[in-house]
Amino acid sequence: MFLTARPVRAALGAACALVMMAAGCSSSDEPDPDAGLITVTTMRGAFLQPAEIGPAWAAPVESAAPQTLVSFCGGTLPPPQTPPGAEMVWSNAADEGEKGAQTLQQSALVYADEASATAGQSLLRTVADQCAPTSEVPATVTADRNEPAYTETVEVRDLNEGAWSGFVIVRHKRYEAAHPGTADVAVAVLRTRNVVLVDSYAIYQLNNASPAPNFESDWQRLVGSVVQRVG
């Protein structure tokens, strides 16, 4: 359940100057130019807290670095640069177990106006559209990382419903047969008014080569809960 951008009320100052120059405009009749904009406080309050997701969820010991988005493309490509001009807020949660893990990384880019938010989302869409549809990555063994070889596919879908619009990047990672496991990731990039939400849900399975059965419904439910709170 995702929500198309509602129009922001246009400022009346320019029209007032053109059509009522002689008489002037009454400030009491003008709408607040900031009316309808979403605040940083609102976005912080809309993020899901670990206890709201499930009893096993908790704030991760090590959160993502401030001002850093999640990775969009498959393989070993780094996350996209954060578009300029916004104040970024975030909240992360994780459910880690012996057979796998789930993570939820919630970020919001809060701009001063709708046009800036639209431009920021367009930059992120450009990154998503350049992702390779398939990546083959060899095994990686370093001092701080030991990951088997894997194949990862990437699909970009449009999302348009209600007050939010944008796209979602869906990634599926399958490890080599000698080390069975999967990773499914959905990164939703949705905008309404002056905010761009970048919400990433991931589920990792160990010793299991089958896709996570509830992945699609789970990421839609989590992202939908946030956008419904904002409206």
C-alpha atoms as a PDB file:
ATOM      1  CA  MET A   1       0.000   0.000   0.000  1.00  0.00           C
ATOM      2  CA  PHE A   2       1.804   3.054  -1.154  1.00  0.00           C
ATOM      3  CA  LEU A   3       0.673   6.443  -1.326  1.00  0.00           C
ATOM      4  CA  THR A   4       1.011   9.906  -5.376  1.00  0.00           C
ATOM      5  CA  ALA A   5       2.219  13.264  -4.391  1.00  0.00           C
ATOM      6  CA  ARG A   6      -0.505  15.690  -3.295  1.00  0.00           C
ATOM      7  CA  PRO A   7      -0.117  19.227  -4.683  1.00  0.00           C
ATOM      8  CA  VAL A   8       1.437  21.829  -2.438  1.00  0.00           C
ATOM      9  CA  ARG A   9      -0.504  25.095  -2.280  1.00  0.00           C
ATOM     10  CA  ALA A  10       1.271  27.735  -4.377  1.00  0.00           C
ATOM     11  CA  ALA A  11       2.464  30.947  -2.750  1.00  0.00           C
ATOM     12  CA  LEU A  12       0.298  33.948  -3.611  1.00  0.00           C
ATOM     13  CA  GLY A  13       2.889  36.682  -3.334  1.00  0.00           C
ATOM     14  CA  ALA A  14       3.677  36.943  -7.048  1.00  0.00           C
ATOM     15  CA  ALA A  15       0.027  36.919  -8.073  1.00  0.00           C
ATOM     16  CA  CYS A  16      -0.731  39.575  -5.474  1.00  0.00           C
ATOM     17  CA  ALA A  17       1.977  41.838  -6.882  1.00  0.00           C
ATOM     18  CA  LEU A  18       0.632  41.485 -10.427  1.00  0.00           C
ATOM     19  CA  VAL A  19      -3.125  41.792 -10.001  1.00  0.00           C
ATOM     20  CA  MET A  20      -3.485  43.816  -6.801  1.00  0.00           C
ATOM     21  CA  MET A  21      -0.468  46.106  -6.902  1.00  0.00           C
ATOM     22  CA  ALA A  22      -2.481  49.237  -6.292  1.00  0.00           C
ATOM     23  CA  ALA A  23      -4.617  47.921  -3.473  1.00  0.00           C
ATOM     24  CA  GLY A  24      -2.040  45.602  -1.907  1.00  0.00           C
ATOM     25  CA  CYS A  25      -2.714  42.183  -0.428  1.00  0.00           C
ATOM     26  CA  SER A  26      -4.033  41.466   2.988  1.00  0.00           C
ATOM     27  CA  SER A  27      -1.649  39.164   4.850  1.00  0.00           C
ATOM     28  CA  SER A  28      -4.584  37.619   6.661  1.00  0.00           C
ATOM     29  CA  ASP A  29      -5.855  36.184   3.364  1.00  0.00           C
ATOM     30  CA  GLU A  30      -2.560  34.608   2.344  1.00  0.00           C
ATOM     31  CA  PRO A  31      -1.907  30.948   3.116  1.00  0.00           C
ATOM     32  CA  ASP A  32       1.109  30.019   5.166  1.00  0.00           C
ATOM     33  CA  PRO A  33       3.840  29.313   2.573  1.00  0.00           C
ATOM     34  CA  ASP A  34       5.021  26.382   4.708  1.00  0.00           C
ATOM     35  CA  ALA A  35       1.547  24.859   5.062  1.00  0.00           C
ATOM     36  CA  GLY A  36       1.515  21.206   4.056  1.00  0.00           C
ATOM     37  CA  LEU A  37       5.261  20.692   4.363  1.00  0.00           C
ATOM     38  CA  ILE A  38       6.506  17.748   6.423  1.00  0.00           C
ATOM     39  CA  THR A  39       8.908  18.401   9.282  1.00  0.00           C
ATOM     40  CA  VAL A  40      11.902  16.447  10.501  1.00  0.00           C
ATOM     41  CA  THR A  41      10.021  15.791  13.731  1.00  0.00           C
ATOM     42  CA  THR A  42       7.114  14.255  11.822  1.00  0.00           C
ATOM     43  CA  MET A  43       9.400  11.888   9.946  1.00  0.00           C
ATOM     44  CA  ARG A  44      11.208  10.801  13.088  1.00  0.00           C
ATOM     45  CA  GLY A  45       7.874  10.005  14.671  1.00  0.00           C
ATOM     46  CA  ALA A  46       6.724   8.033  11.616  1.00  0.00           C
ATOM     47  CA  PHE A  47       9.643   5.604  11.674  1.00  0.00           C
ATOM     48  CA  LEU A  48       8.879   2.155  13.061  1.00  0.00           C
ATOM     49  CA  GLN A  49      10.556   1.328  16.353  1.00  0.00           C
ATOM     50  CA  PRO A  50      11.939  -2.185  16.956  1.00  0.00           C
ATOM     51  CA  ALA A  51       9.200  -3.162  19.430  1.00  0.00           C
ATOM     52  CA  GLU A  52       6.549  -2.234  16.850  1.00  0.00           C
ATOM     53  CA  ILE A  53       8.008  -4.611  14.269  1.00  0.00           C
ATOM     54  CA  GLY A  54       8.323  -7.707  16.436  1.00  0.00           C
ATOM     55  CA  PRO A  55       9.552  -9.011  19.808  1.00  0.00           C
ATOM     56  CA  ALA A  56      12.914 -10.150  18.444  1.00  0.00           C
ATOM     57  CA  TRP A  57      13.750  -6.824  16.813  1.00  0.00           C
ATOM     58  CA  ALA A  58      16.202  -4.363  18.408  1.00  0.00           C
ATOM     59  CA  ALA A  59      18.312  -1.351  17.522  1.00  0.00           C
ATOM     60  CA  PRO A  60      21.537  -2.652  15.958  1.00  0.00           C
ATOM     61  CA  VAL A  61      24.754  -2.332  17.921  1.00  0.00           C
ATOM     62  CA  GLU A  62      26.379  -0.631  14.946  1.00  0.00           C
ATOM     63  CA  SER A  63      24.065   1.606  12.930  1.00  0.00           C
ATOM     64  CA  ALA A  64      24.681   2.764   9.382  1.00  0.00           C
ATOM     65  CA  ALA A  65      26.982   5.762   9.142  1.00  0.00           C
ATOM     66  CA  PRO A  66      25.158   9.106   9.366  1.00  0.00           C
ATOM     67  CA  GLN A  67      24.290  10.720   6.042  1.00  0.00           C
ATOM     68  CA  THR A  68      24.768   7.388   4.244  1.00  0.00           C
ATOM     69  CA  LEU A  69      22.064   5.694   2.179  1.00  0.00           C
ATOM     70  CA  VAL A  70      21.745   1.955   1.641  1.00  0.00           C
ATOM     71  CA  SER A  71      23.138   0.277  -1.474  1.00  0.00           C
ATOM     72  CA  PHE A  72      20.891   0.360  -4.524  1.00  0.00           C
ATOM     73  CA  CYS A  73      22.641  -1.939  -6.993  1.00  0.00           C
ATOM     74  CA  GLY A  74      23.730  -5.538  -6.703  1.00  0.00           C
ATOM     75  CA  GLY A  75      27.241  -6.859  -6.421  1.00  0.00           C
ATOM     76  CA  THR A  76      29.859  -4.795  -4.622  1.00  0.00           C
ATOM     77  CA  LEU A  77      28.818  -1.309  -5.771  1.00  0.00           C
ATOM     78  CA  PRO A  78      28.737   1.316  -2.988  1.00  0.00           C
ATOM     79  CA  PRO A  79      25.592   3.190  -1.882  1.00  0.00           C
ATOM     80  CA  PRO A  80      24.599   6.262  -3.898  1.00  0.00           C
ATOM     81  CA  GLN A  81      25.653   9.675  -2.711  1.00  0.00           C
ATOM     82  CA  THR A  82      23.006  11.469  -0.673  1.00  0.00           C
ATOM     83  CA  PRO A  83      21.374  14.152  -2.857  1.00  0.00           C
ATOM     84  CA  PRO A  84      22.250  17.637  -1.585  1.00  0.00           C
ATOM     85  CA  GLY A  85      20.000  20.173   0.068  1.00  0.00           C
ATOM     86  CA  ALA A  86      18.118  17.993   2.566  1.00  0.00           C
ATOM     87  CA  GLU A  87      18.263  17.279   6.255  1.00  0.00           C
ATOM     88  CA  MET A  88      18.575  13.523   6.695  1.00  0.00           C
ATOM     89  CA  VAL A  89      17.060  11.542   9.572  1.00  0.00           C
ATOM     90  CA  TRP A  90      17.224   7.781  10.037  1.00  0.00           C
ATOM     91  CA  SER A  91      16.327   4.856  12.276  1.00  0.00           C
ATOM     92  CA  ASN A  92      17.563   1.276  11.976  1.00  0.00           C
ATOM     93  CA  ALA A  93      16.410  -2.032  13.463  1.00  0.00           C
ATOM     94  CA  ALA A  94      17.472  -5.668  13.168  1.00  0.00           C
ATOM     95  CA  ASP A  95      16.336  -9.178  14.085  1.00  0.00           C
ATOM     96  CA  GLU A  96      19.360 -11.481  14.241  1.00  0.00           C
ATOM     97  CA  GLY A  97      19.075 -15.231  14.781  1.00  0.00           C
ATOM     98  CA  GLU A  98      20.998 -18.448  14.263  1.00  0.00           C
ATOM     99  CA  LYS A  99      19.354 -19.207  10.907  1.00  0.00           C
ATOM    100  CA  GLY A 100      19.530 -15.718   9.460  1.00  0.00           C
ATOM    101  CA  ALA A 101      18.649 -12.101  10.057  1.00  0.00           C
ATOM    102  CA  GLN A 102      16.309  -9.294   9.075  1.00  0.00           C
ATOM    103  CA  THR A 103      17.135  -5.594   8.899  1.00  0.00           C
ATOM    104  CA  LEU A 104      15.111  -2.416   8.410  1.00  0.00           C
ATOM    105  CA  GLN A 105      16.930   0.800   7.532  1.00  0.00           C
ATOM    106  CA  GLN A 106      14.659   3.842   7.436  1.00  0.00           C
ATOM    107  CA  SER A 107      15.962   7.150   6.074  1.00  0.00           C
ATOM    108  CA  ALA A 108      14.187  10.376   5.152  1.00  0.00           C
ATOM    109  CA  LEU A 109      15.504  13.337   3.184  1.00  0.00           C
ATOM    110  CA  VAL A 110      13.557  16.392   4.360  1.00  0.00           C
ATOM    111  CA  TYR A 111      13.776  19.334   1.944  1.00  0.00           C
ATOM    112  CA  ALA A 112      12.638  22.933   2.210  1.00  0.00           C
ATOM    113  CA  ASP A 113      10.189  22.574  -0.687  1.00  0.00           C
ATOM    114  CA  GLU A 114       8.579  20.096  -3.049  1.00  0.00           C
ATOM    115  CA  ALA A 115      10.675  21.017  -6.087  1.00  0.00           C
ATOM    116  CA  SER A 116      13.923  20.202  -4.259  1.00  0.00           C
ATOM    117  CA  ALA A 117      12.519  16.857  -3.097  1.00  0.00           C
ATOM    118  CA  THR A 118      11.471  15.999  -6.651  1.00  0.00           C
ATOM    119  CA  ALA A 119      14.967  16.775  -7.910  1.00  0.00           C
ATOM    120  CA  GLY A 120      16.533  14.666  -5.156  1.00  0.00           C
ATOM    121  CA  GLN A 121      14.351  11.690  -5.982  1.00  0.00           C
ATOM    122  CA  SER A 122      15.165  12.055  -9.684  1.00  0.00           C
ATOM    123  CA  LEU A 123      18.883  11.782  -8.914  1.00  0.00           C
ATOM    124  CA  LEU A 124      18.273   8.560  -6.986  1.00  0.00           C
ATOM    125  CA  ARG A 125      16.133   7.148  -9.796  1.00  0.00           C
ATOM    126  CA  THR A 126      18.994   7.777 -12.214  1.00  0.00           C
ATOM    127  CA  VAL A 127      21.255   5.651 -10.021  1.00  0.00           C
ATOM    128  CA  ALA A 128      18.665   2.868  -9.821  1.00  0.00           C
ATOM    129  CA  ASP A 129      18.110   2.805 -13.584  1.00  0.00           C
ATOM    130  CA  GLN A 130      21.835   2.252 -14.136  1.00  0.00           C
ATOM    131  CA  CYS A 131      22.015  -0.869 -11.959  1.00  0.00           C
ATOM    132  CA  ALA A 132      23.051  -4.008 -13.816  1.00  0.00           C
ATOM    133  CA  PRO A 133      20.219  -6.579 -13.890  1.00  0.00           C
ATOM    134  CA  THR A 134      22.576  -9.414 -12.890  1.00  0.00           C
ATOM    135  CA  SER A 135      25.889  -9.575 -11.032  1.00  0.00           C
ATOM    136  CA  GLU A 136      28.255 -12.522 -10.573  1.00  0.00           C
ATOM    137  CA  VAL A 137      30.514 -11.984  -7.558  1.00  0.00           C
ATOM    138  CA  PRO A 138      33.389 -14.354  -6.654  1.00  0.00           C
ATOM    139  CA  ALA A 139      34.087 -15.453  -3.108  1.00  0.00           C
ATOM    140  CA  THR A 140      35.597 -12.774  -0.891  1.00  0.00           C
ATOM    141  CA  VAL A 141      37.982 -13.591   1.926  1.00  0.00           C
ATOM    142  CA  THR A 142      39.586 -10.694   3.792  1.00  0.00           C
ATOM    143  CA  ALA A 143      40.569  -9.906   7.364  1.00  0.00           C
ATOM    144  CA  ASP A 144      37.051  -8.678   8.156  1.00  0.00           C
ATOM    145  CA  ARG A 145      34.883 -10.415   5.561  1.00  0.00           C
ATOM    146  CA  ASN A 146      34.293 -13.980   4.450  1.00  0.00           C
ATOM    147  CA  GLU A 147      31.531 -14.295   1.854  1.00  0.00           C
ATOM    148  CA  PRO A 148      30.944 -17.164  -0.614  1.00  0.00           C
ATOM    149  CA  ALA A 149      30.440 -16.536  -4.316  1.00  0.00           C
ATOM    150  CA  TYR A 150      26.949 -15.455  -5.303  1.00  0.00           C
ATOM    151  CA  THR A 151      24.649 -14.336  -8.109  1.00  0.00           C
ATOM    152  CA  GLU A 152      22.456 -11.269  -7.566  1.00  0.00           C
ATOM    153  CA  THR A 153      19.573  -9.976  -9.659  1.00  0.00           C
ATOM    154  CA  VAL A 154      18.142  -6.446  -9.559  1.00  0.00           C
ATOM    155  CA  GLU A 155      14.695  -5.244 -10.620  1.00  0.00           C
ATOM    156  CA  VAL A 156      13.369  -1.662 -10.486  1.00  0.00           C
ATOM    157  CA  ARG A 157       9.599  -1.180 -10.239  1.00  0.00           C
ATOM    158  CA  ASP A 158       7.458   1.960 -10.187  1.00  0.00           C
ATOM    159  CA  LEU A 159       5.321   2.623  -7.107  1.00  0.00           C
ATOM    160  CA  ASN A 160       2.366   4.979  -7.427  1.00  0.00           C
ATOM    161  CA  GLU A 161      -0.571   5.113  -5.072  1.00  0.00           C
ATOM    162  CA  GLY A 162      -2.226   7.764  -2.919  1.00  0.00           C
ATOM    163  CA  ALA A 163       0.007  10.548  -1.599  1.00  0.00           C
ATOM    164  CA  TRP A 164       3.381   8.881  -2.258  1.00  0.00           C
ATOM    165  CA  SER A 165       5.074   8.022  -5.535  1.00  0.00           C
ATOM    166  CA  GLY A 166       8.411   6.632  -6.600  1.00  0.00           C
ATOM    167  CA  PHE A 167      10.035   3.263  -7.143  1.00  0.00           C
ATOM    168  CA  VAL A 168      11.393   0.185  -5.404  1.00  0.00           C
ATOM    169  CA  ILE A 169      14.587  -1.720  -6.103  1.00  0.00           C
ATOM    170  CA  VAL A 170      14.197  -5.456  -5.467  1.00  0.00           C
ATOM    171  CA  ARG A 171      17.393  -7.491  -5.164  1.00  0.00           C
ATOM    172  CA  HIS A 172      17.725 -11.270  -4.850  1.00  0.00           C
ATOM    173  CA  LYS A 173      21.065 -12.816  -3.920  1.00  0.00           C
ATOM    174  CA  ARG A 174      21.702 -16.569  -4.169  1.00  0.00           C
ATOM    175  CA  TYR A 175      24.940 -18.077  -2.865  1.00  0.00           C
ATOM    176  CA  GLU A 176      26.845 -20.925  -4.484  1.00  0.00           C
ATOM    177  CA  ALA A 177      25.571 -24.464  -3.876  1.00  0.00           C
ATOM    178  CA  ALA A 178      28.462 -25.328  -1.589  1.00  0.00           C
ATOM    179  CA  HIS A 179      27.325 -22.591   0.822  1.00  0.00           C
ATOM    180  CA  PRO A 180      23.514 -22.401   0.437  1.00  0.00           C
ATOM    181  CA  GLY A 181      21.861 -19.172   1.462  1.00  0.00           C
ATOM    182  CA  THR A 182      19.865 -16.231   0.144  1.00  0.00           C
ATOM    183  CA  ALA A 183      19.481 -12.498   0.687  1.00  0.00           C
ATOM    184  CA  ASP A 184      16.392 -10.587  -0.437  1.00  0.00           C
ATOM    185  CA  VAL A 185      16.428  -6.783  -0.304  1.00  0.00           C
ATOM    186  CA  ALA A 186      13.784  -4.169  -1.145  1.00  0.00           C
ATOM    187  CA  VAL A 187      14.751  -0.473  -1.231  1.00  0.00           C
ATOM    188  CA  ALA A 188      11.689   1.757  -1.580  1.00  0.00           C
ATOM    189  CA  VAL A 189      12.289   5.378  -2.627  1.00  0.00           C
ATOM    190  CA  LEU A 190       9.026   7.286  -2.247  1.00  0.00           C
ATOM    191  CA  ARG A 191       8.244  10.996  -2.261  1.00  0.00           C
ATOM    192  CA  THR A 192       5.404  13.117  -1.034  1.00  0.00           C
ATOM    193  CA  ARG A 193       5.527  16.898  -0.749  1.00  0.00           C
ATOM    194  CA  ASN A 194       8.999  17.861   0.505  1.00  0.00           C
ATOM    195  CA  VAL A 195      10.203  14.459   1.731  1.00  0.00           C
ATOM    196  CA  VAL A 196      11.951  11.529   0.062  1.00  0.00           C
ATOM    197  CA  LEU A 197      11.718   8.295   2.060  1.00  0.00           C
ATOM    198  CA  VAL A 198      14.417   5.669   1.464  1.00  0.00           C
ATOM    199  CA  ASP A 199      13.281   2.536   3.261  1.00  0.00           C
ATOM    200  CA  SER A 200      15.217  -0.722   2.989  1.00  0.00           C
ATOM    201  CA  TYR A 201      14.076  -4.131   4.248  1.00  0.00           C
ATOM    202  CA  ALA A 202      16.361  -7.155   3.939  1.00  0.00           C
ATOM    203  CA  ILE A 203      16.120 -10.799   4.998  1.00  0.00           C
ATOM    204  CA  TYR A 204      19.133 -13.129   5.041  1.00  0.00           C
ATOM    205  CA  GLN A 205      18.814 -16.918   5.220  1.00  0.00           C
ATOM    206  CA  LEU A 206      21.616 -19.327   6.141  1.00  0.00           C
ATOM    207  CA  ASN A 207      21.748 -22.918   4.878  1.00  0.00           C
ATOM    208  CA  ASN A 208      18.569 -22.352   2.891  1.00  0.00           C
ATOM    209  CA  ALA A 209      18.577 -21.889  -0.883  1.00  0.00           C
ATOM    210  CA  SER A 210      14.830 -21.120  -1.154  1.00  0.00           C
ATOM    211  CA  PRO A 211      13.577 -17.522  -1.435  1.00  0.00           C
ATOM    212  CA  ALA A 212      12.047 -16.058   1.720  1.00  0.00           C
ATOM    213  CA  PRO A 213       8.310 -16.875   1.349  1.00  0.00           C
ATOM    214  CA  ASN A 214       6.902 -13.663   2.881  1.00  0.00           C
ATOM    215  CA  PHE A 215       9.474 -11.213   1.567  1.00  0.00           C
ATOM    216  CA  GLU A 216       7.143  -9.294  -0.768  1.00  0.00           C
ATOM    217  CA  SER A 217       4.336  -8.881   1.744  1.00  0.00           C
ATOM    218  CA  ASP A 218       6.732  -8.038   4.574  1.00  0.00           C
ATOM    219  CA  TRP A 219       8.532  -5.144   2.879  1.00  0.00           C
ATOM    220  CA  GLN A 220       5.249  -3.716   1.610  1.00  0.00           C
ATOM    221  CA  ARG A 221       3.747  -3.879   5.097  1.00  0.00           C
ATOM    222  CA  LEU A 222       6.746  -2.193   6.727  1.00  0.00           C
ATOM    223  CA  VAL A 223       7.042   0.614   4.209  1.00  0.00           C
ATOM    224  CA  GLY A 224       3.273   1.056   4.077  1.00  0.00           C
ATOM    225  CA  SER A 225       3.141   1.528   7.859  1.00  0.00           C
ATOM    226  CA  VAL A 226       5.518   4.498   7.655  1.00  0.00           C
ATOM    227  CA  VAL A 227       3.830   6.289   4.759  1.00  0.00           C
ATOM    228  CA  GLN A 228       0.388   5.862   6.303  1.00  0.00           C
ATOM    229  CA  ARG A 229       1.583   7.595   9.473  1.00  0.00           C
ATOM    230  CA  VAL A 230       2.688  10.626   7.482  1.00  0.00           C
ATOM    231  CA  GLY A 231      -0.345  10.638   5.205  1.00  0.00           C
END
